[in-house]
Amino acid sequence: MYRRRLKHSPVKNLFRFASGKTQSVLTVESALEFDTCFHLEYSPEITSFEAQPEGFYYSFEGKRCPYTPDFKVHHQKDGEQFIEVKPLSKVLKEDFRTRFQAKQYAARDAGITLLLVTERQIRVYPILNNLKLLHRYSGFQSITEVHLRILEFVERHGMTSLLNLARSTGIKEGELLSTTLSLIATNRLATNLLEQSFCLDSEVWEAI
């Protein structure tokens, strides 16, 4: 197996992602990989993930080459998977496609699937912006009276919009937005992050 160490360089920036799911800070080497972390962090199908995991060697044009995937994830249904994150412009190059196929064969021999994702799967809006907003409020927060008022209202009335919550409870809109986000981030409430940007028109309900 092969273990690569990331280091700062004049031509490459490193990004750090604080993960509540893994209780660790992950280091990645591109903005696209950083954006991928938000999807992995909040996907209910991913139980854990690791950046720059232990890699492996693959054969290409008669040479033994080292390779480190960008991520190793533990999927609820599909088990362990490797993920390679690349801009679409690089994926279209013939050399990359040929090399990547060789890497997939080597991963398959080790019993793990190697998947390729590009910005088409990662930079999908509004979900990415919603996930980043959610992450901003995912840190530890003590339960306040406002948290309890929101939870009590949703428990009593079921699915409701934030606008209705504001009008019915008298909680100020800014405080309502931030407090509701913290409840969603801690899986006490749920909302639809796929179809619209999170706002006062968003609906929330009790998380299952």
N, C-alpha and C. Protein backbone atom coordinates (compact mmCIF):
# COMPACT_ATOMS: atom_id res chain seq x y z
N MET A 1 0.85 -1.19 0.00
CA MET A 1 0.00 0.00 0.00
C MET A 1 0.89 1.25 0.00
N TYR A 2 0.26 2.39 -0.20
CA TYR A 2 1.01 3.62 -0.40
C TYR A 2 0.35 4.75 0.40
N ARG A 3 1.15 5.51 1.14
CA ARG A 3 0.63 6.63 1.94
C ARG A 3 1.32 7.92 1.50
N ARG A 4 0.52 8.88 1.05
CA ARG A 4 1.03 10.16 0.57
C ARG A 4 0.83 11.22 1.64
N ARG A 5 1.77 12.14 1.77
CA ARG A 5 1.68 13.22 2.73
C ARG A 5 1.51 14.54 1.98
N LEU A 6 0.48 15.29 2.35
CA LEU A 6 0.24 16.58 1.73
C LEU A 6 1.12 17.65 2.36
N LYS A 7 1.71 18.48 1.52
CA LYS A 7 2.54 19.58 2.01
C LYS A 7 2.20 20.85 1.24
N HIS A 8 2.37 21.99 1.90
CA HIS A 8 2.18 23.26 1.23
C HIS A 8 3.24 23.43 0.14
N SER A 9 2.84 24.07 -0.96
CA SER A 9 3.78 24.35 -2.04
C SER A 9 3.38 25.68 -2.68
N PRO A 10 4.31 26.31 -3.42
CA PRO A 10 4.00 27.60 -4.07
C PRO A 10 2.88 27.52 -5.09
N VAL A 11 2.59 26.31 -5.59
CA VAL A 11 1.59 26.17 -6.67
C VAL A 11 0.31 25.48 -6.22
N LYS A 12 0.24 25.09 -4.95
CA LYS A 12 -0.94 24.35 -4.51
C LYS A 12 -1.36 24.79 -3.11
N ASN A 13 -2.63 25.12 -2.96
CA ASN A 13 -3.18 25.51 -1.67
C ASN A 13 -3.84 24.31 -1.00
N LEU A 14 -3.71 24.25 0.31
CA LEU A 14 -4.39 23.21 1.08
C LEU A 14 -5.61 23.79 1.76
N PHE A 15 -6.66 22.98 1.87
CA PHE A 15 -7.90 23.40 2.50
C PHE A 15 -8.18 22.43 3.65
N ARG A 16 -8.76 22.96 4.73
CA ARG A 16 -9.08 22.12 5.90
C ARG A 16 -10.57 22.17 6.18
N PHE A 17 -11.13 20.99 6.38
CA PHE A 17 -12.57 20.86 6.62
C PHE A 17 -12.79 20.22 7.98
N ALA A 18 -13.52 20.92 8.86
CA ALA A 18 -13.83 20.39 10.18
C ALA A 18 -15.08 19.51 10.08
N SER A 19 -14.91 18.23 10.33
CA SER A 19 -16.00 17.27 10.17
C SER A 19 -16.54 16.82 11.52
N GLY A 20 -17.82 17.08 11.75
CA GLY A 20 -18.48 16.55 12.93
C GLY A 20 -18.73 15.06 12.80
N LYS A 21 -18.95 14.59 11.57
CA LYS A 21 -19.23 13.17 11.34
C LYS A 21 -18.04 12.31 11.72
N THR A 22 -16.83 12.76 11.39
CA THR A 22 -15.64 11.97 11.67
C THR A 22 -14.89 12.45 12.91
N GLN A 23 -15.37 13.57 13.49
CA GLN A 23 -14.70 14.15 14.66
C GLN A 23 -13.23 14.42 14.38
N SER A 24 -12.97 15.02 13.21
CA SER A 24 -11.59 15.30 12.82
C SER A 24 -11.56 16.46 11.84
N VAL A 25 -10.36 16.96 11.58
CA VAL A 25 -10.16 18.00 10.58
C VAL A 25 -9.46 17.36 9.38
N LEU A 26 -10.10 17.40 8.22
CA LEU A 26 -9.56 16.77 7.02
C LEU A 26 -8.81 17.80 6.19
N THR A 27 -7.68 17.41 5.64
CA THR A 27 -6.88 18.28 4.77
C THR A 27 -7.02 17.81 3.33
N VAL A 28 -7.42 18.71 2.45
CA VAL A 28 -7.58 18.41 1.03
C VAL A 28 -6.80 19.45 0.23
N GLU A 29 -6.59 19.17 -1.06
CA GLU A 29 -5.68 20.02 -1.82
C GLU A 29 -6.33 20.77 -2.97
N SER A 30 -7.64 20.92 -2.95
CA SER A 30 -8.28 21.75 -3.96
C SER A 30 -9.62 22.24 -3.44
N ALA A 31 -10.09 23.34 -4.01
CA ALA A 31 -11.40 23.88 -3.63
C ALA A 31 -12.51 22.90 -3.99
N LEU A 32 -12.32 22.15 -5.09
CA LEU A 32 -13.33 21.18 -5.50
C LEU A 32 -13.43 20.03 -4.49
N GLU A 33 -12.29 19.58 -3.99
CA GLU A 33 -12.30 18.54 -2.96
C GLU A 33 -12.95 19.07 -1.68
N PHE A 34 -12.66 20.33 -1.36
CA PHE A 34 -13.26 20.95 -0.18
C PHE A 34 -14.78 20.97 -0.30
N ASP A 35 -15.29 21.32 -1.47
CA ASP A 35 -16.74 21.33 -1.69
C ASP A 35 -17.32 19.92 -1.61
N THR A 36 -16.54 18.93 -2.02
CA THR A 36 -16.99 17.54 -1.92
C THR A 36 -17.24 17.14 -0.48
N CYS A 37 -16.44 17.69 0.43
CA CYS A 37 -16.57 17.34 1.85
C CYS A 37 -17.97 17.65 2.39
N PHE A 38 -18.59 18.73 1.91
CA PHE A 38 -19.91 19.09 2.40
C PHE A 38 -20.94 18.01 2.04
N HIS A 39 -20.83 17.46 0.83
CA HIS A 39 -21.75 16.40 0.42
C HIS A 39 -21.53 15.14 1.25
N LEU A 40 -20.27 14.79 1.49
CA LEU A 40 -19.96 13.59 2.26
C LEU A 40 -20.38 13.76 3.72
N GLU A 41 -20.20 14.95 4.24
CA GLU A 41 -20.53 15.23 5.65
C GLU A 41 -22.03 15.06 5.92
N TYR A 42 -22.86 15.49 4.97
CA TYR A 42 -24.30 15.51 5.22
C TYR A 42 -25.09 14.46 4.46
N SER A 43 -24.40 13.58 3.75
CA SER A 43 -25.11 12.47 3.10
C SER A 43 -25.47 11.42 4.15
N PRO A 44 -26.75 11.08 4.30
CA PRO A 44 -27.14 10.07 5.28
C PRO A 44 -26.64 8.66 4.91
N GLU A 45 -26.24 8.48 3.65
CA GLU A 45 -25.77 7.17 3.20
C GLU A 45 -24.29 6.95 3.49
N ILE A 46 -23.56 8.03 3.81
CA ILE A 46 -22.14 7.94 4.12
C ILE A 46 -21.99 7.94 5.64
N THR A 47 -21.46 6.87 6.21
CA THR A 47 -21.30 6.79 7.66
C THR A 47 -20.00 7.43 8.13
N SER A 48 -18.96 7.42 7.29
CA SER A 48 -17.70 8.09 7.61
C SER A 48 -16.90 8.27 6.33
N PHE A 49 -15.92 9.15 6.38
CA PHE A 49 -15.07 9.35 5.20
C PHE A 49 -13.70 9.85 5.63
N GLU A 50 -12.73 9.61 4.78
CA GLU A 50 -11.34 9.95 5.06
C GLU A 50 -10.73 10.60 3.83
N ALA A 51 -10.00 11.69 4.02
CA ALA A 51 -9.30 12.35 2.92
C ALA A 51 -7.87 11.82 2.83
N GLN A 52 -7.37 11.67 1.61
CA GLN A 52 -6.03 11.18 1.37
C GLN A 52 -5.77 9.88 2.14
N PRO A 53 -6.58 8.85 1.88
CA PRO A 53 -6.40 7.58 2.60
C PRO A 53 -5.16 6.84 2.10
N GLU A 54 -4.89 5.72 2.72
CA GLU A 54 -3.79 4.88 2.25
C GLU A 54 -4.10 4.45 0.82
N GLY A 55 -3.13 4.65 -0.06
CA GLY A 55 -3.34 4.36 -1.47
C GLY A 55 -2.80 3.00 -1.87
N PHE A 56 -2.54 2.86 -3.16
CA PHE A 56 -2.08 1.57 -3.68
C PHE A 56 -1.26 1.80 -4.94
N TYR A 57 -0.72 0.75 -5.48
CA TYR A 57 0.07 0.83 -6.71
C TYR A 57 -0.76 0.25 -7.87
N TYR A 58 -0.55 0.81 -9.05
CA TYR A 58 -1.21 0.30 -10.25
C TYR A 58 -0.19 0.23 -11.37
N SER A 59 -0.48 -0.60 -12.35
CA SER A 59 0.44 -0.79 -13.48
C SER A 59 0.00 0.07 -14.65
N PHE A 60 0.96 0.77 -15.24
CA PHE A 60 0.65 1.61 -16.41
C PHE A 60 1.87 1.67 -17.32
N GLU A 61 1.68 1.20 -18.53
CA GLU A 61 2.74 1.18 -19.55
C GLU A 61 4.00 0.51 -19.03
N GLY A 62 3.79 -0.62 -18.34
CA GLY A 62 4.91 -1.41 -17.85
C GLY A 62 5.56 -0.89 -16.59
N LYS A 63 5.01 0.15 -15.97
CA LYS A 63 5.58 0.72 -14.76
C LYS A 63 4.64 0.53 -13.57
N ARG A 64 5.22 0.46 -12.39
CA ARG A 64 4.46 0.36 -11.15
C ARG A 64 4.34 1.77 -10.56
N CYS A 65 3.13 2.30 -10.54
CA CYS A 65 2.91 3.70 -10.17
C CYS A 65 2.12 3.81 -8.87
N PRO A 66 2.51 4.76 -7.98
CA PRO A 66 1.75 4.96 -6.75
C PRO A 66 0.53 5.83 -7.00
N TYR A 67 -0.53 5.58 -6.22
CA TYR A 67 -1.76 6.38 -6.37
C TYR A 67 -2.47 6.50 -5.03
N THR A 68 -2.91 7.72 -4.72
CA THR A 68 -3.71 7.97 -3.52
C THR A 68 -5.05 8.56 -3.94
N PRO A 69 -6.16 7.90 -3.66
CA PRO A 69 -7.48 8.49 -3.95
C PRO A 69 -7.68 9.75 -3.11
N ASP A 70 -8.60 10.58 -3.55
CA ASP A 70 -8.89 11.79 -2.79
C ASP A 70 -9.65 11.48 -1.51
N PHE A 71 -10.54 10.48 -1.58
CA PHE A 71 -11.33 10.11 -0.41
C PHE A 71 -11.55 8.60 -0.36
N LYS A 72 -11.72 8.12 0.86
CA LYS A 72 -12.22 6.77 1.09
C LYS A 72 -13.48 6.94 1.93
N VAL A 73 -14.59 6.40 1.46
CA VAL A 73 -15.86 6.57 2.17
C VAL A 73 -16.40 5.20 2.58
N HIS A 74 -17.21 5.23 3.63
CA HIS A 74 -17.90 4.02 4.07
C HIS A 74 -19.38 4.25 3.80
N HIS A 75 -19.89 3.54 2.80
CA HIS A 75 -21.26 3.69 2.34
C HIS A 75 -22.13 2.65 3.02
N GLN A 76 -23.32 3.05 3.48
CA GLN A 76 -24.19 2.13 4.20
C GLN A 76 -24.51 0.87 3.40
N LYS A 77 -24.79 1.03 2.11
CA LYS A 77 -25.20 -0.11 1.29
C LYS A 77 -24.04 -0.74 0.53
N ASP A 78 -23.12 0.10 0.04
CA ASP A 78 -22.09 -0.40 -0.87
C ASP A 78 -20.74 -0.63 -0.21
N GLY A 79 -20.64 -0.42 1.09
CA GLY A 79 -19.38 -0.66 1.79
C GLY A 79 -18.34 0.40 1.48
N GLU A 80 -17.07 0.02 1.50
CA GLU A 80 -15.98 0.96 1.26
C GLU A 80 -15.87 1.31 -0.22
N GLN A 81 -15.61 2.59 -0.47
CA GLN A 81 -15.41 3.07 -1.83
C GLN A 81 -14.31 4.12 -1.83
N PHE A 82 -13.53 4.15 -2.92
CA PHE A 82 -12.58 5.24 -3.16
C PHE A 82 -13.25 6.26 -4.07
N ILE A 83 -12.91 7.54 -3.88
CA ILE A 83 -13.44 8.59 -4.74
C ILE A 83 -12.29 9.45 -5.25
N GLU A 84 -12.28 9.67 -6.55
CA GLU A 84 -11.35 10.60 -7.18
C GLU A 84 -12.13 11.82 -7.64
N VAL A 85 -11.67 13.01 -7.26
CA VAL A 85 -12.33 14.26 -7.60
C VAL A 85 -11.47 15.01 -8.62
N LYS A 86 -12.07 15.31 -9.77
CA LYS A 86 -11.32 16.00 -10.81
C LYS A 86 -12.21 16.97 -11.58
N PRO A 87 -11.64 18.11 -12.00
CA PRO A 87 -12.39 19.01 -12.89
C PRO A 87 -12.70 18.30 -14.20
N LEU A 88 -13.82 18.63 -14.78
CA LEU A 88 -14.23 17.98 -16.03
C LEU A 88 -13.21 18.17 -17.13
N SER A 89 -12.54 19.32 -17.15
CA SER A 89 -11.56 19.60 -18.19
C SER A 89 -10.42 18.59 -18.18
N LYS A 90 -10.04 18.07 -17.00
CA LYS A 90 -8.98 17.07 -16.92
C LYS A 90 -9.50 15.68 -17.24
N VAL A 91 -10.75 15.42 -16.90
CA VAL A 91 -11.34 14.11 -17.15
C VAL A 91 -11.43 13.82 -18.64
N LEU A 92 -11.60 14.86 -19.43
CA LEU A 92 -11.76 14.69 -20.88
C LEU A 92 -10.46 14.33 -21.60
N LYS A 93 -9.33 14.45 -20.92
CA LYS A 93 -8.05 14.16 -21.56
C LYS A 93 -7.83 12.66 -21.66
N GLU A 94 -7.31 12.22 -22.80
CA GLU A 94 -7.13 10.79 -23.07
C GLU A 94 -6.18 10.14 -22.07
N ASP A 95 -5.08 10.82 -21.72
CA ASP A 95 -4.12 10.24 -20.79
C ASP A 95 -4.75 9.98 -19.43
N PHE A 96 -5.58 10.92 -18.97
CA PHE A 96 -6.24 10.73 -17.68
C PHE A 96 -7.17 9.53 -17.73
N ARG A 97 -7.97 9.42 -18.77
CA ARG A 97 -8.95 8.34 -18.85
C ARG A 97 -8.25 6.97 -18.87
N THR A 98 -7.14 6.88 -19.60
CA THR A 98 -6.41 5.62 -19.68
C THR A 98 -5.80 5.25 -18.33
N ARG A 99 -5.19 6.25 -17.68
CA ARG A 99 -4.59 6.01 -16.36
C ARG A 99 -5.67 5.65 -15.33
N PHE A 100 -6.79 6.37 -15.38
CA PHE A 100 -7.83 6.13 -14.39
C PHE A 100 -8.40 4.72 -14.52
N GLN A 101 -8.53 4.25 -15.72
CA GLN A 101 -9.02 2.88 -15.93
C GLN A 101 -8.06 1.88 -15.28
N ALA A 102 -6.76 2.13 -15.42
CA ALA A 102 -5.77 1.24 -14.80
C ALA A 102 -5.89 1.29 -13.28
N LYS A 103 -6.15 2.47 -12.73
CA LYS A 103 -6.34 2.62 -11.27
C LYS A 103 -7.60 1.87 -10.82
N GLN A 104 -8.66 1.93 -11.62
CA GLN A 104 -9.89 1.22 -11.27
C GLN A 104 -9.66 -0.28 -11.23
N TYR A 105 -8.88 -0.81 -12.19
CA TYR A 105 -8.59 -2.24 -12.21
C TYR A 105 -7.85 -2.65 -10.95
N ALA A 106 -6.87 -1.82 -10.54
CA ALA A 106 -6.08 -2.14 -9.35
C ALA A 106 -6.94 -2.08 -8.09
N ALA A 107 -7.83 -1.08 -8.02
CA ALA A 107 -8.73 -0.96 -6.87
C ALA A 107 -9.68 -2.15 -6.81
N ARG A 108 -10.17 -2.56 -7.98
CA ARG A 108 -11.09 -3.69 -8.05
C ARG A 108 -10.41 -4.97 -7.57
N ASP A 109 -9.13 -5.13 -7.92
CA ASP A 109 -8.39 -6.30 -7.47
C ASP A 109 -8.25 -6.31 -5.95
N ALA A 110 -8.27 -5.11 -5.35
CA ALA A 110 -8.19 -5.00 -3.89
C ALA A 110 -9.57 -5.08 -3.24
N GLY A 111 -10.62 -5.21 -4.07
CA GLY A 111 -11.96 -5.38 -3.55
C GLY A 111 -12.69 -4.10 -3.24
N ILE A 112 -12.21 -2.97 -3.79
CA ILE A 112 -12.85 -1.68 -3.53
C ILE A 112 -13.15 -0.98 -4.85
N THR A 113 -14.32 -0.38 -4.96
CA THR A 113 -14.71 0.36 -6.16
C THR A 113 -14.09 1.75 -6.12
N LEU A 114 -13.55 2.19 -7.25
CA LEU A 114 -13.01 3.55 -7.39
C LEU A 114 -13.95 4.35 -8.28
N LEU A 115 -14.53 5.42 -7.73
CA LEU A 115 -15.49 6.25 -8.44
C LEU A 115 -14.86 7.58 -8.82
N LEU A 116 -15.34 8.15 -9.91
CA LEU A 116 -14.88 9.46 -10.37
C LEU A 116 -16.02 10.45 -10.31
N VAL A 117 -15.79 11.62 -9.69
CA VAL A 117 -16.79 12.67 -9.67
C VAL A 117 -16.16 13.98 -10.13
N THR A 118 -16.97 14.82 -10.76
CA THR A 118 -16.51 16.12 -11.25
C THR A 118 -17.39 17.21 -10.65
N GLU A 119 -17.12 18.45 -11.07
CA GLU A 119 -17.92 19.56 -10.56
C GLU A 119 -19.40 19.44 -10.94
N ARG A 120 -19.70 18.63 -11.94
CA ARG A 120 -21.11 18.44 -12.33
C ARG A 120 -21.90 17.74 -11.22
N GLN A 121 -21.25 16.89 -10.46
CA GLN A 121 -21.91 16.22 -9.35
C GLN A 121 -21.75 16.99 -8.03
N ILE A 122 -20.72 17.81 -7.94
CA ILE A 122 -20.39 18.48 -6.68
C ILE A 122 -20.99 19.87 -6.58
N ARG A 123 -20.77 20.68 -7.58
CA ARG A 123 -21.23 22.06 -7.53
C ARG A 123 -22.63 22.19 -8.11
N VAL A 124 -23.55 21.57 -7.38
CA VAL A 124 -24.96 21.57 -7.73
C VAL A 124 -25.67 22.53 -6.79
N TYR A 125 -26.41 23.46 -7.36
CA TYR A 125 -27.06 24.49 -6.55
C TYR A 125 -28.59 24.36 -6.65
N PRO A 126 -29.29 24.69 -5.55
CA PRO A 126 -28.79 25.39 -4.35
C PRO A 126 -28.25 24.49 -3.26
N ILE A 127 -28.19 23.16 -3.49
CA ILE A 127 -27.85 22.28 -2.38
C ILE A 127 -26.47 22.57 -1.79
N LEU A 128 -25.46 22.88 -2.62
CA LEU A 128 -24.13 23.11 -2.07
C LEU A 128 -24.12 24.33 -1.15
N ASN A 129 -24.77 25.40 -1.58
CA ASN A 129 -24.84 26.59 -0.72
C ASN A 129 -25.59 26.29 0.57
N ASN A 130 -26.65 25.49 0.48
CA ASN A 130 -27.41 25.13 1.68
C ASN A 130 -26.56 24.30 2.64
N LEU A 131 -25.77 23.37 2.10
CA LEU A 131 -24.91 22.55 2.94
C LEU A 131 -23.84 23.38 3.62
N LYS A 132 -23.30 24.36 2.91
CA LYS A 132 -22.29 25.24 3.51
C LYS A 132 -22.91 26.09 4.62
N LEU A 133 -24.13 26.53 4.39
CA LEU A 133 -24.83 27.31 5.41
C LEU A 133 -25.10 26.44 6.63
N LEU A 134 -25.51 25.21 6.39
CA LEU A 134 -25.78 24.27 7.47
C LEU A 134 -24.52 24.02 8.29
N HIS A 135 -23.40 23.88 7.60
CA HIS A 135 -22.13 23.58 8.27
C HIS A 135 -21.70 24.72 9.18
N ARG A 136 -22.07 25.92 8.81
CA ARG A 136 -21.71 27.10 9.61
C ARG A 136 -22.35 27.04 10.99
N TYR A 137 -23.49 26.37 11.09
CA TYR A 137 -24.22 26.32 12.36
C TYR A 137 -24.19 24.93 12.99
N SER A 138 -23.23 24.10 12.56
CA SER A 138 -23.21 22.71 13.02
C SER A 138 -22.41 22.51 14.29
N GLY A 139 -21.73 23.54 14.79
CA GLY A 139 -20.94 23.38 16.01
C GLY A 139 -21.82 23.25 17.23
N PHE A 140 -21.21 22.95 18.35
CA PHE A 140 -21.97 22.76 19.60
C PHE A 140 -22.64 24.06 20.01
N GLN A 141 -23.92 23.95 20.32
CA GLN A 141 -24.68 25.07 20.87
C GLN A 141 -25.58 24.56 21.98
N SER A 142 -25.61 25.28 23.08
CA SER A 142 -26.50 24.88 24.16
C SER A 142 -27.94 25.15 23.74
N ILE A 143 -28.87 24.35 24.25
CA ILE A 143 -30.28 24.50 23.93
C ILE A 143 -30.83 25.71 24.69
N THR A 144 -31.38 26.63 23.96
CA THR A 144 -31.95 27.85 24.55
C THR A 144 -33.47 27.78 24.54
N GLU A 145 -34.07 28.79 25.13
CA GLU A 145 -35.53 28.88 25.12
C GLU A 145 -36.06 28.97 23.70
N VAL A 146 -35.33 29.66 22.81
CA VAL A 146 -35.76 29.78 21.42
C VAL A 146 -35.76 28.42 20.73
N HIS A 147 -34.73 27.61 20.97
CA HIS A 147 -34.70 26.25 20.43
C HIS A 147 -35.95 25.48 20.85
N LEU A 148 -36.25 25.55 22.12
CA LEU A 148 -37.37 24.79 22.67
C LEU A 148 -38.71 25.28 22.11
N ARG A 149 -38.84 26.59 21.93
CA ARG A 149 -40.08 27.14 21.38
C ARG A 149 -40.30 26.66 19.96
N ILE A 150 -39.24 26.63 19.18
CA ILE A 150 -39.35 26.17 17.79
C ILE A 150 -39.71 24.68 17.76
N LEU A 151 -39.00 23.88 18.55
CA LEU A 151 -39.27 22.44 18.57
C LEU A 151 -40.69 22.14 19.03
N GLU A 152 -41.14 22.85 20.04
CA GLU A 152 -42.49 22.65 20.56
C GLU A 152 -43.55 23.00 19.52
N PHE A 153 -43.32 24.10 18.78
CA PHE A 153 -44.28 24.51 17.76
C PHE A 153 -44.36 23.47 16.64
N VAL A 154 -43.21 23.00 16.17
CA VAL A 154 -43.19 22.02 15.07
C VAL A 154 -43.79 20.70 15.53
N GLU A 155 -43.51 20.30 16.76
CA GLU A 155 -44.08 19.06 17.28
C GLU A 155 -45.60 19.15 17.35
N ARG A 156 -46.12 20.32 17.70
CA ARG A 156 -47.56 20.50 17.86
C ARG A 156 -48.27 20.65 16.52
N HIS A 157 -47.65 21.38 15.56
CA HIS A 157 -48.34 21.73 14.32
C HIS A 157 -47.85 20.97 13.09
N GLY A 158 -46.74 20.26 13.21
CA GLY A 158 -46.22 19.53 12.06
C GLY A 158 -45.44 20.44 11.12
N MET A 159 -45.35 20.04 9.85
CA MET A 159 -44.58 20.80 8.87
C MET A 159 -45.07 22.25 8.81
N THR A 160 -44.11 23.17 8.80
CA THR A 160 -44.47 24.58 8.77
C THR A 160 -43.34 25.38 8.12
N SER A 161 -43.69 26.53 7.58
CA SER A 161 -42.67 27.40 6.99
C SER A 161 -42.03 28.24 8.09
N LEU A 162 -40.82 28.72 7.83
CA LEU A 162 -40.17 29.59 8.80
C LEU A 162 -40.93 30.90 8.95
N LEU A 163 -41.54 31.34 7.86
CA LEU A 163 -42.31 32.58 7.93
C LEU A 163 -43.48 32.41 8.90
N ASN A 164 -44.16 31.27 8.82
CA ASN A 164 -45.26 31.00 9.75
C ASN A 164 -44.75 30.88 11.18
N LEU A 165 -43.56 30.28 11.33
CA LEU A 165 -42.96 30.17 12.66
C LEU A 165 -42.71 31.55 13.25
N ALA A 166 -42.16 32.45 12.43
CA ALA A 166 -41.85 33.80 12.90
C ALA A 166 -43.13 34.52 13.32
N ARG A 167 -44.16 34.42 12.50
CA ARG A 167 -45.41 35.11 12.79
C ARG A 167 -46.11 34.52 14.02
N SER A 168 -46.02 33.21 14.19
CA SER A 168 -46.74 32.54 15.26
C SER A 168 -46.03 32.61 16.60
N THR A 169 -44.71 32.64 16.58
CA THR A 169 -43.96 32.61 17.84
C THR A 169 -43.41 33.97 18.25
N GLY A 170 -43.34 34.90 17.28
CA GLY A 170 -42.79 36.21 17.58
C GLY A 170 -41.27 36.24 17.62
N ILE A 171 -40.63 35.16 17.25
CA ILE A 171 -39.16 35.12 17.23
C ILE A 171 -38.66 35.96 16.05
N LYS A 172 -37.65 36.78 16.27
CA LYS A 172 -37.12 37.63 15.22
C LYS A 172 -36.56 36.76 14.08
N GLU A 173 -36.73 37.26 12.85
CA GLU A 173 -36.39 36.44 11.68
C GLU A 173 -34.94 35.99 11.66
N GLY A 174 -34.01 36.89 11.97
CA GLY A 174 -32.60 36.52 11.96
C GLY A 174 -32.28 35.44 12.98
N GLU A 175 -32.81 35.58 14.18
CA GLU A 175 -32.59 34.60 15.23
C GLU A 175 -33.27 33.28 14.88
N LEU A 176 -34.44 33.37 14.26
CA LEU A 176 -35.16 32.17 13.84
C LEU A 176 -34.37 31.39 12.81
N LEU A 177 -33.82 32.07 11.82
CA LEU A 177 -33.05 31.41 10.78
C LEU A 177 -31.84 30.69 11.36
N SER A 178 -31.07 31.38 12.19
CA SER A 178 -29.85 30.79 12.74
C SER A 178 -30.17 29.63 13.69
N THR A 179 -31.20 29.80 14.51
CA THR A 179 -31.55 28.75 15.47
C THR A 179 -32.10 27.53 14.75
N THR A 180 -32.93 27.73 13.73
CA THR A 180 -33.48 26.61 12.98
C THR A 180 -32.37 25.85 12.25
N LEU A 181 -31.41 26.57 11.71
CA LEU A 181 -30.28 25.92 11.04
C LEU A 181 -29.51 25.03 12.02
N SER A 182 -29.32 25.51 13.23
CA SER A 182 -28.61 24.70 14.22
C SER A 182 -29.40 23.44 14.57
N LEU A 183 -30.72 23.54 14.58
CA LEU A 183 -31.57 22.37 14.84
C LEU A 183 -31.53 21.38 13.68
N ILE A 184 -31.44 21.88 12.47
CA ILE A 184 -31.32 21.01 11.30
C ILE A 184 -29.95 20.34 11.30
N ALA A 185 -28.91 21.11 11.61
CA ALA A 185 -27.55 20.58 11.63
C ALA A 185 -27.37 19.48 12.66
N THR A 186 -28.11 19.56 13.76
CA THR A 186 -28.02 18.54 14.81
C THR A 186 -29.11 17.48 14.68
N ASN A 187 -29.79 17.48 13.52
CA ASN A 187 -30.77 16.44 13.17
C ASN A 187 -31.99 16.42 14.09
N ARG A 188 -32.36 17.58 14.62
CA ARG A 188 -33.59 17.67 15.39
C ARG A 188 -34.76 18.07 14.49
N LEU A 189 -34.44 18.85 13.45
CA LEU A 189 -35.43 19.21 12.44
C LEU A 189 -34.91 18.83 11.08
N ALA A 190 -35.80 18.75 10.10
CA ALA A 190 -35.41 18.43 8.73
C ALA A 190 -36.01 19.46 7.78
N THR A 191 -35.38 19.61 6.61
CA THR A 191 -35.88 20.51 5.58
C THR A 191 -35.44 20.00 4.22
N ASN A 192 -35.96 20.57 3.16
CA ASN A 192 -35.57 20.21 1.80
C ASN A 192 -34.43 21.13 1.36
N LEU A 193 -33.24 20.58 1.25
CA LEU A 193 -32.08 21.37 0.86
C LEU A 193 -31.82 21.33 -0.64
N LEU A 194 -32.60 20.53 -1.38
CA LEU A 194 -32.31 20.29 -2.79
C LEU A 194 -32.91 21.32 -3.73
N GLU A 195 -34.09 21.84 -3.41
CA GLU A 195 -34.87 22.55 -4.42
C GLU A 195 -34.85 24.07 -4.30
N GLN A 196 -34.50 24.61 -3.13
CA GLN A 196 -34.46 26.06 -3.01
C GLN A 196 -33.46 26.47 -1.95
N SER A 197 -32.98 27.70 -2.05
CA SER A 197 -32.08 28.22 -1.04
C SER A 197 -32.83 28.36 0.28
N PHE A 198 -32.13 28.08 1.37
CA PHE A 198 -32.77 28.13 2.68
C PHE A 198 -33.15 29.57 3.01
N CYS A 199 -34.43 29.79 3.33
CA CYS A 199 -34.94 31.13 3.58
C CYS A 199 -36.22 31.03 4.40
N LEU A 200 -36.90 32.15 4.59
CA LEU A 200 -38.12 32.16 5.38
C LEU A 200 -39.26 31.36 4.73
N ASP A 201 -39.17 31.15 3.42
CA ASP A 201 -40.18 30.35 2.75
C ASP A 201 -39.95 28.85 2.91
N SER A 202 -38.77 28.47 3.42
CA SER A 202 -38.45 27.04 3.58
C SER A 202 -39.37 26.44 4.64
N GLU A 203 -39.70 25.16 4.43
CA GLU A 203 -40.52 24.44 5.40
C GLU A 203 -39.64 23.50 6.21
N VAL A 204 -40.00 23.32 7.46
CA VAL A 204 -39.27 22.41 8.34
C VAL A 204 -40.25 21.45 8.98
N TRP A 205 -39.72 20.29 9.42
CA TRP A 205 -40.53 19.29 10.09
C TRP A 205 -39.64 18.49 11.03
N GLU A 206 -40.24 17.67 11.85
CA GLU A 206 -39.47 16.88 12.79
C GLU A 206 -38.61 15.86 12.03
N ALA A 207 -37.35 15.76 12.40
CA ALA A 207 -36.46 14.77 11.79
C ALA A 207 -36.84 13.38 12.27
N ILE A 208 -36.72 12.42 11.39
CA ILE A 208 -37.07 11.04 11.76
C ILE A 208 -35.91 10.42 12.52
